[in-house]
Amino acid sequence: MRAMKVIFVQVKCEPGQAYDVASKIMDDVEEVGELYSTSGKYDLMVKFHLDEDTDIGHFVTERVQKVPGIKDTFTTMTFKAF
């Protein structure tokens, strides 16, 4: 079994685009574990399961931030699940 790491990315969408962005992420980014709509400053929270050797910065900028309708992201790296 491959070693995996988990990151959470909060996504701020262009107005009226949250559902379209969520669908696009679910369809196009295979590393998605879970995706939620949220209240507050960000519209979506996405849990990604990445291979241990994946460069997080490149993943977020090349695979997530390029999804049409995304205005901003905030990434949280995780250490240990309890």
PDB file of N, CA and C in Angstrom:
ATOM      1  N   MET A   1       0.844  -1.184   0.000  1.00  0.00           N
ATOM      2  CA  MET A   1       0.000   0.000   0.000  1.00  0.00           C
ATOM      3  C   MET A   1       0.886   1.244   0.000  1.00  0.00           C
ATOM      4  N   ARG A   2       0.527   2.232  -0.813  1.00  0.00           N
ATOM      5  CA  ARG A   2       1.285   3.466  -0.927  1.00  0.00           C
ATOM      6  C   ARG A   2       1.061   4.363   0.276  1.00  0.00           C
ATOM      7  N   ALA A   3       2.126   5.066   0.663  1.00  0.00           N
ATOM      8  CA  ALA A   3       1.987   6.071   1.724  1.00  0.00           C
ATOM      9  C   ALA A   3       1.242   7.280   1.147  1.00  0.00           C
ATOM     10  N   MET A   4       0.291   7.771   1.909  1.00  0.00           N
ATOM     11  CA  MET A   4      -0.506   8.908   1.450  1.00  0.00           C
ATOM     12  C   MET A   4      -0.429  10.028   2.479  1.00  0.00           C
ATOM     13  N   LYS A   5      -0.610  11.260   1.995  1.00  0.00           N
ATOM     14  CA  LYS A   5      -0.753  12.394   2.889  1.00  0.00           C
ATOM     15  C   LYS A   5      -2.065  13.081   2.554  1.00  0.00           C
ATOM     16  N   VAL A   6      -2.626  13.740   3.550  1.00  0.00           N
ATOM     17  CA  VAL A   6      -3.920  14.394   3.393  1.00  0.00           C
ATOM     18  C   VAL A   6      -3.728  15.898   3.543  1.00  0.00           C
ATOM     19  N   ILE A   7      -4.354  16.650   2.644  1.00  0.00           N
ATOM     20  CA  ILE A   7      -4.431  18.101   2.788  1.00  0.00           C
ATOM     21  C   ILE A   7      -5.893  18.505   2.652  1.00  0.00           C
ATOM     22  N   PHE A   8      -6.232  19.631   3.264  1.00  0.00           N
ATOM     23  CA  PHE A   8      -7.546  20.238   3.106  1.00  0.00           C
ATOM     24  C   PHE A   8      -7.355  21.560   2.383  1.00  0.00           C
ATOM     25  N   VAL A   9      -8.170  21.812   1.370  1.00  0.00           N
ATOM     26  CA  VAL A   9      -8.106  23.075   0.642  1.00  0.00           C
ATOM     27  C   VAL A   9      -9.470  23.736   0.724  1.00  0.00           C
ATOM     28  N   GLN A  10      -9.492  24.934   1.307  1.00  0.00           N
ATOM     29  CA  GLN A  10     -10.706  25.735   1.302  1.00  0.00           C
ATOM     30  C   GLN A  10     -10.708  26.545   0.015  1.00  0.00           C
ATOM     31  N   VAL A  11     -11.864  26.650  -0.619  1.00  0.00           N
ATOM     32  CA  VAL A  11     -11.977  27.268  -1.935  1.00  0.00           C
ATOM     33  C   VAL A  11     -12.996  28.404  -1.887  1.00  0.00           C
ATOM     34  N   LYS A  12     -12.559  29.577  -2.326  1.00  0.00           N
ATOM     35  CA  LYS A  12     -13.464  30.711  -2.505  1.00  0.00           C
ATOM     36  C   LYS A  12     -13.780  30.792  -3.994  1.00  0.00           C
ATOM     37  N   CYS A  13     -15.066  30.782  -4.312  1.00  0.00           N
ATOM     38  CA  CYS A  13     -15.505  30.751  -5.711  1.00  0.00           C
ATOM     39  C   CYS A  13     -15.973  32.127  -6.165  1.00  0.00           C
ATOM     40  N   GLU A  14     -15.967  32.306  -7.464  1.00  0.00           N
ATOM     41  CA  GLU A  14     -16.607  33.487  -8.030  1.00  0.00           C
ATOM     42  C   GLU A  14     -18.092  33.425  -7.661  1.00  0.00           C
ATOM     43  N   PRO A  15     -18.750  34.574  -7.469  1.00  0.00           N
ATOM     44  CA  PRO A  15     -20.164  34.557  -7.078  1.00  0.00           C
ATOM     45  C   PRO A  15     -21.011  33.679  -8.000  1.00  0.00           C
ATOM     46  N   GLY A  16     -21.823  32.829  -7.379  1.00  0.00           N
ATOM     47  CA  GLY A  16     -22.732  31.967  -8.122  1.00  0.00           C
ATOM     48  C   GLY A  16     -22.095  30.745  -8.746  1.00  0.00           C
ATOM     49  N   GLN A  17     -20.824  30.465  -8.452  1.00  0.00           N
ATOM     50  CA  GLN A  17     -20.108  29.383  -9.120  1.00  0.00           C
ATOM     51  C   GLN A  17     -19.822  28.164  -8.241  1.00  0.00           C
ATOM     52  N   ALA A  18     -20.223  28.191  -6.969  1.00  0.00           N
ATOM     53  CA  ALA A  18     -19.822  27.128  -6.037  1.00  0.00           C
ATOM     54  C   ALA A  18     -20.232  25.733  -6.515  1.00  0.00           C
ATOM     55  N   TYR A  19     -21.447  25.569  -6.988  1.00  0.00           N
ATOM     56  CA  TYR A  19     -21.893  24.237  -7.406  1.00  0.00           C
ATOM     57  C   TYR A  19     -21.174  23.779  -8.673  1.00  0.00           C
ATOM     58  N   ASP A  20     -20.927  24.697  -9.590  1.00  0.00           N
ATOM     59  CA  ASP A  20     -20.189  24.354 -10.804  1.00  0.00           C
ATOM     60  C   ASP A  20     -18.746  23.983 -10.474  1.00  0.00           C
ATOM     61  N   VAL A  21     -18.122  24.750  -9.574  1.00  0.00           N
ATOM     62  CA  VAL A  21     -16.754  24.462  -9.172  1.00  0.00           C
ATOM     63  C   VAL A  21     -16.688  23.100  -8.478  1.00  0.00           C
ATOM     64  N   ALA A  22     -17.619  22.830  -7.582  1.00  0.00           N
ATOM     65  CA  ALA A  22     -17.648  21.545  -6.879  1.00  0.00           C
ATOM     66  C   ALA A  22     -17.760  20.391  -7.873  1.00  0.00           C
ATOM     67  N   SER A  23     -18.635  20.503  -8.838  1.00  0.00           N
ATOM     68  CA  SER A  23     -18.796  19.454  -9.847  1.00  0.00           C
ATOM     69  C   SER A  23     -17.524  19.257 -10.655  1.00  0.00           C
ATOM     70  N   LYS A  24     -16.909  20.350 -11.035  1.00  0.00           N
ATOM     71  CA  LYS A  24     -15.686  20.281 -11.841  1.00  0.00           C
ATOM     72  C   LYS A  24     -14.553  19.618 -11.055  1.00  0.00           C
ATOM     73  N   ILE A  25     -14.410  19.992  -9.767  1.00  0.00           N
ATOM     74  CA  ILE A  25     -13.373  19.362  -8.944  1.00  0.00           C
ATOM     75  C   ILE A  25     -13.638  17.865  -8.825  1.00  0.00           C
ATOM     76  N   MET A  26     -14.873  17.483  -8.530  1.00  0.00           N
ATOM     77  CA  MET A  26     -15.211  16.063  -8.377  1.00  0.00           C
ATOM     78  C   MET A  26     -14.949  15.282  -9.661  1.00  0.00           C
ATOM     79  N   ASP A  27     -15.228  15.893 -10.805  1.00  0.00           N
ATOM     80  CA  ASP A  27     -15.053  15.220 -12.092  1.00  0.00           C
ATOM     81  C   ASP A  27     -13.595  15.145 -12.545  1.00  0.00           C
ATOM     82  N   ASP A  28     -12.801  16.186 -12.229  1.00  0.00           N
ATOM     83  CA  ASP A  28     -11.486  16.323 -12.858  1.00  0.00           C
ATOM     84  C   ASP A  28     -10.287  16.047 -11.955  1.00  0.00           C
ATOM     85  N   VAL A  29     -10.477  16.039 -10.640  1.00  0.00           N
ATOM     86  CA  VAL A  29      -9.334  15.871  -9.742  1.00  0.00           C
ATOM     87  C   VAL A  29      -9.518  14.561  -8.975  1.00  0.00           C
ATOM     88  N   GLU A  30      -8.826  13.533  -9.420  1.00  0.00           N
ATOM     89  CA  GLU A  30      -9.046  12.184  -8.888  1.00  0.00           C
ATOM     90  C   GLU A  30      -8.621  12.030  -7.432  1.00  0.00           C
ATOM     91  N   GLU A  31      -7.806  12.924  -6.916  1.00  0.00           N
ATOM     92  CA  GLU A  31      -7.313  12.811  -5.548  1.00  0.00           C
ATOM     93  C   GLU A  31      -8.316  13.273  -4.489  1.00  0.00           C
ATOM     94  N   VAL A  32      -9.512  13.695  -4.907  1.00  0.00           N
ATOM     95  CA  VAL A  32     -10.531  14.151  -3.964  1.00  0.00           C
ATOM     96  C   VAL A  32     -10.967  12.993  -3.074  1.00  0.00           C
ATOM     97  N   GLY A  33     -10.980  13.244  -1.761  1.00  0.00           N
ATOM     98  CA  GLY A  33     -11.530  12.287  -0.807  1.00  0.00           C
ATOM     99  C   GLY A  33     -12.957  12.661  -0.468  1.00  0.00           C
ATOM    100  N   GLU A  34     -13.141  13.917  -0.081  1.00  0.00           N
ATOM    101  CA  GLU A  34     -14.461  14.442   0.267  1.00  0.00           C
ATOM    102  C   GLU A  34     -14.504  15.905  -0.126  1.00  0.00           C
ATOM    103  N   LEU A  35     -15.703  16.410  -0.388  1.00  0.00           N
ATOM    104  CA  LEU A  35     -15.894  17.812  -0.742  1.00  0.00           C
ATOM    105  C   LEU A  35     -17.179  18.293  -0.081  1.00  0.00           C
ATOM    106  N   TYR A  36     -17.085  19.429   0.608  1.00  0.00           N
ATOM    107  CA  TYR A  36     -18.227  19.983   1.336  1.00  0.00           C
ATOM    108  C   TYR A  36     -18.452  21.429   0.944  1.00  0.00           C
ATOM    109  N   SER A  37     -19.705  21.869   0.932  1.00  0.00           N
ATOM    110  CA  SER A  37     -19.995  23.294   0.891  1.00  0.00           C
ATOM    111  C   SER A  37     -19.912  23.794   2.331  1.00  0.00           C
ATOM    112  N   THR A  38     -19.438  25.022   2.507  1.00  0.00           N
ATOM    113  CA  THR A  38     -19.218  25.553   3.848  1.00  0.00           C
ATOM    114  C   THR A  38     -19.732  26.983   3.957  1.00  0.00           C
ATOM    115  N   SER A  39     -19.896  27.423   5.192  1.00  0.00           N
ATOM    116  CA  SER A  39     -20.226  28.823   5.448  1.00  0.00           C
ATOM    117  C   SER A  39     -18.939  29.565   5.785  1.00  0.00           C
ATOM    118  N   GLY A  40     -19.007  30.879   5.790  1.00  0.00           N
ATOM    119  CA  GLY A  40     -17.839  31.676   6.159  1.00  0.00           C
ATOM    120  C   GLY A  40     -17.143  32.265   4.948  1.00  0.00           C
ATOM    121  N   LYS A  41     -15.847  32.500   5.091  1.00  0.00           N
ATOM    122  CA  LYS A  41     -15.064  33.170   4.045  1.00  0.00           C
ATOM    123  C   LYS A  41     -14.898  32.330   2.784  1.00  0.00           C
ATOM    124  N   TYR A  42     -14.981  31.010   2.941  1.00  0.00           N
ATOM    125  CA  TYR A  42     -14.775  30.115   1.804  1.00  0.00           C
ATOM    126  C   TYR A  42     -16.053  29.336   1.522  1.00  0.00           C
ATOM    127  N   ASP A  43     -16.228  28.952   0.272  1.00  0.00           N
ATOM    128  CA  ASP A  43     -17.459  28.294  -0.173  1.00  0.00           C
ATOM    129  C   ASP A  43     -17.391  26.771  -0.101  1.00  0.00           C
ATOM    130  N   LEU A  44     -16.196  26.223  -0.275  1.00  0.00           N
ATOM    131  CA  LEU A  44     -16.020  24.775  -0.323  1.00  0.00           C
ATOM    132  C   LEU A  44     -14.813  24.372   0.521  1.00  0.00           C
ATOM    133  N   MET A  45     -14.859  23.149   1.041  1.00  0.00           N
ATOM    134  CA  MET A  45     -13.686  22.548   1.672  1.00  0.00           C
ATOM    135  C   MET A  45     -13.485  21.175   1.045  1.00  0.00           C
ATOM    136  N   VAL A  46     -12.267  20.942   0.574  1.00  0.00           N
ATOM    137  CA  VAL A  46     -11.964  19.701  -0.132  1.00  0.00           C
ATOM    138  C   VAL A  46     -10.844  18.965   0.589  1.00  0.00           C
ATOM    139  N   LYS A  47     -11.061  17.680   0.818  1.00  0.00           N
ATOM    140  CA  LYS A  47     -10.040  16.809   1.398  1.00  0.00           C
ATOM    141  C   LYS A  47      -9.399  16.037   0.254  1.00  0.00           C
ATOM    142  N   PHE A  48      -8.088  16.177   0.113  1.00  0.00           N
ATOM    143  CA  PHE A  48      -7.352  15.489  -0.938  1.00  0.00           C
ATOM    144  C   PHE A  48      -6.420  14.456  -0.320  1.00  0.00           C
ATOM    145  N   HIS A  49      -6.347  13.289  -0.949  1.00  0.00           N
ATOM    146  CA  HIS A  49      -5.403  12.238  -0.577  1.00  0.00           C
ATOM    147  C   HIS A  49      -4.310  12.219  -1.643  1.00  0.00           C
ATOM    148  N   LEU A  50      -3.089  12.569  -1.230  1.00  0.00           N
ATOM    149  CA  LEU A  50      -1.982  12.688  -2.175  1.00  0.00           C
ATOM    150  C   LEU A  50      -0.923  11.633  -1.900  1.00  0.00           C
ATOM    151  N   ASP A  51      -0.256  11.176  -2.960  1.00  0.00           N
ATOM    152  CA  ASP A  51       0.904  10.314  -2.787  1.00  0.00           C
ATOM    153  C   ASP A  51       1.933  11.061  -1.946  1.00  0.00           C
ATOM    154  N   GLU A  52       2.678  10.333  -1.154  1.00  0.00           N
ATOM    155  CA  GLU A  52       3.650  10.930  -0.229  1.00  0.00           C
ATOM    156  C   GLU A  52       4.665  11.823  -0.949  1.00  0.00           C
ATOM    157  N   ASP A  53       5.012  11.495  -2.182  1.00  0.00           N
ATOM    158  CA  ASP A  53       6.016  12.272  -2.910  1.00  0.00           C
ATOM    159  C   ASP A  53       5.434  13.424  -3.736  1.00  0.00           C
ATOM    160  N   THR A  54       4.118  13.667  -3.643  1.00  0.00           N
ATOM    161  CA  THR A  54       3.490  14.756  -4.388  1.00  0.00           C
ATOM    162  C   THR A  54       3.912  16.104  -3.814  1.00  0.00           C
ATOM    163  N   ASP A  55       4.303  17.026  -4.676  1.00  0.00           N
ATOM    164  CA  ASP A  55       4.613  18.392  -4.269  1.00  0.00           C
ATOM    165  C   ASP A  55       3.294  19.137  -4.062  1.00  0.00           C
ATOM    166  N   ILE A  56       2.989  19.498  -2.838  1.00  0.00           N
ATOM    167  CA  ILE A  56       1.700  20.108  -2.508  1.00  0.00           C
ATOM    168  C   ILE A  56       1.518  21.434  -3.231  1.00  0.00           C
ATOM    169  N   GLY A  57       2.547  22.255  -3.268  1.00  0.00           N
ATOM    170  CA  GLY A  57       2.443  23.552  -3.952  1.00  0.00           C
ATOM    171  C   GLY A  57       2.085  23.410  -5.410  1.00  0.00           C
ATOM    172  N   HIS A  58       2.757  22.496  -6.101  1.00  0.00           N
ATOM    173  CA  HIS A  58       2.436  22.277  -7.510  1.00  0.00           C
ATOM    174  C   HIS A  58       1.040  21.689  -7.674  1.00  0.00           C
ATOM    175  N   PHE A  59       0.665  20.759  -6.802  1.00  0.00           N
ATOM    176  CA  PHE A  59      -0.664  20.169  -6.896  1.00  0.00           C
ATOM    177  C   PHE A  59      -1.743  21.242  -6.783  1.00  0.00           C
ATOM    178  N   VAL A  60      -1.637  22.089  -5.774  1.00  0.00           N
ATOM    179  CA  VAL A  60      -2.667  23.115  -5.555  1.00  0.00           C
ATOM    180  C   VAL A  60      -2.682  24.125  -6.696  1.00  0.00           C
ATOM    181  N   THR A  61      -1.510  24.611  -7.114  1.00  0.00           N
ATOM    182  CA  THR A  61      -1.501  25.641  -8.152  1.00  0.00           C
ATOM    183  C   THR A  61      -1.834  25.110  -9.539  1.00  0.00           C
ATOM    184  N   GLU A  62      -1.434  23.882  -9.832  1.00  0.00           N
ATOM    185  CA  GLU A  62      -1.655  23.337 -11.173  1.00  0.00           C
ATOM    186  C   GLU A  62      -2.959  22.553 -11.321  1.00  0.00           C
ATOM    187  N   ARG A  63      -3.424  21.895 -10.270  1.00  0.00           N
ATOM    188  CA  ARG A  63      -4.598  21.031 -10.385  1.00  0.00           C
ATOM    189  C   ARG A  63      -5.851  21.644  -9.778  1.00  0.00           C
ATOM    190  N   VAL A  64      -5.694  22.428  -8.721  1.00  0.00           N
ATOM    191  CA  VAL A  64      -6.868  22.967  -8.028  1.00  0.00           C
ATOM    192  C   VAL A  64      -7.156  24.402  -8.467  1.00  0.00           C
ATOM    193  N   GLN A  65      -6.183  25.286  -8.329  1.00  0.00           N
ATOM    194  CA  GLN A  65      -6.431  26.706  -8.602  1.00  0.00           C
ATOM    195  C   GLN A  65      -6.786  26.997 -10.057  1.00  0.00           C
ATOM    196  N   LYS A  66      -6.485  26.092 -10.958  1.00  0.00           N
ATOM    197  CA  LYS A  66      -6.804  26.307 -12.376  1.00  0.00           C
ATOM    198  C   LYS A  66      -8.233  25.900 -12.741  1.00  0.00           C
ATOM    199  N   VAL A  67      -8.973  25.356 -11.785  1.00  0.00           N
ATOM    200  CA  VAL A  67     -10.375  25.015 -12.051  1.00  0.00           C
ATOM    201  C   VAL A  67     -11.141  26.315 -12.284  1.00  0.00           C
ATOM    202  N   PRO A  68     -11.871  26.433 -13.399  1.00  0.00           N
ATOM    203  CA  PRO A  68     -12.622  27.655 -13.678  1.00  0.00           C
ATOM    204  C   PRO A  68     -13.608  27.975 -12.549  1.00  0.00           C
ATOM    205  N   GLY A  69     -13.652  29.255 -12.171  1.00  0.00           N
ATOM    206  CA  GLY A  69     -14.586  29.714 -11.147  1.00  0.00           C
ATOM    207  C   GLY A  69     -13.978  29.834  -9.761  1.00  0.00           C
ATOM    208  N   ILE A  70     -12.726  29.387  -9.603  1.00  0.00           N
ATOM    209  CA  ILE A  70     -12.062  29.527  -8.311  1.00  0.00           C
ATOM    210  C   ILE A  70     -11.402  30.896  -8.227  1.00  0.00           C
ATOM    211  N   LYS A  71     -11.690  31.584  -7.139  1.00  0.00           N
ATOM    212  CA  LYS A  71     -11.155  32.928  -6.902  1.00  0.00           C
ATOM    213  C   LYS A  71      -9.938  32.895  -5.982  1.00  0.00           C
ATOM    214  N   ASP A  72      -9.948  31.997  -4.972  1.00  0.00           N
ATOM    215  CA  ASP A  72      -8.877  31.947  -3.985  1.00  0.00           C
ATOM    216  C   ASP A  72      -8.905  30.591  -3.292  1.00  0.00           C
ATOM    217  N   THR A  73      -7.775  30.184  -2.726  1.00  0.00           N
ATOM    218  CA  THR A  73      -7.713  28.945  -1.946  1.00  0.00           C
ATOM    219  C   THR A  73      -6.917  29.172  -0.675  1.00  0.00           C
ATOM    220  N   PHE A  74      -7.141  28.302   0.306  1.00  0.00           N
ATOM    221  CA  PHE A  74      -6.381  28.286   1.551  1.00  0.00           C
ATOM    222  C   PHE A  74      -6.108  26.832   1.876  1.00  0.00           C
ATOM    223  N   THR A  75      -4.831  26.452   1.933  1.00  0.00           N
ATOM    224  CA  THR A  75      -4.450  25.049   2.123  1.00  0.00           C
ATOM    225  C   THR A  75      -3.998  24.785   3.550  1.00  0.00           C
ATOM    226  N   THR A  76      -4.487  23.680   4.117  1.00  0.00           N
ATOM    227  CA  THR A  76      -4.055  23.218   5.434  1.00  0.00           C
ATOM    228  C   THR A  76      -3.419  21.846   5.261  1.00  0.00           C
ATOM    229  N   MET A  77      -2.177  21.739   5.699  1.00  0.00           N
ATOM    230  CA  MET A  77      -1.482  20.456   5.664  1.00  0.00           C
ATOM    231  C   MET A  77      -1.780  19.725   6.975  1.00  0.00           C
ATOM    232  N   THR A  78      -1.862  18.407   6.914  1.00  0.00           N
ATOM    233  CA  THR A  78      -2.152  17.626   8.114  1.00  0.00           C
ATOM    234  C   THR A  78      -0.918  16.830   8.523  1.00  0.00           C
ATOM    235  N   PHE A  79      -0.921  16.427   9.800  1.00  0.00           N
ATOM    236  CA  PHE A  79       0.199  15.650  10.329  1.00  0.00           C
ATOM    237  C   PHE A  79      -0.234  14.236  10.717  1.00  0.00           C
ATOM    238  N   LYS A  80      -1.237  14.116  11.552  1.00  0.00           N
ATOM    239  CA  LYS A  80      -1.643  12.817  12.062  1.00  0.00           C
ATOM    240  C   LYS A  80      -3.157  12.800  12.230  1.00  0.00           C
ATOM    241  N   ALA A  81      -3.777  11.710  11.828  1.00  0.00           N
ATOM    242  CA  ALA A  81      -5.212  11.520  12.050  1.00  0.00           C
ATOM    243  C   ALA A  81      -5.388  10.742  13.347  1.00  0.00           C
ATOM    244  N   PHE A  82      -6.362  11.129  14.138  1.00  0.00           N
ATOM    245  CA  PHE A  82      -6.634  10.438  15.407  1.00  0.00           C
ATOM    246  C   PHE A  82      -7.959   9.713  15.348  1.00  0.00           C
TER     247      PHE A  82
END
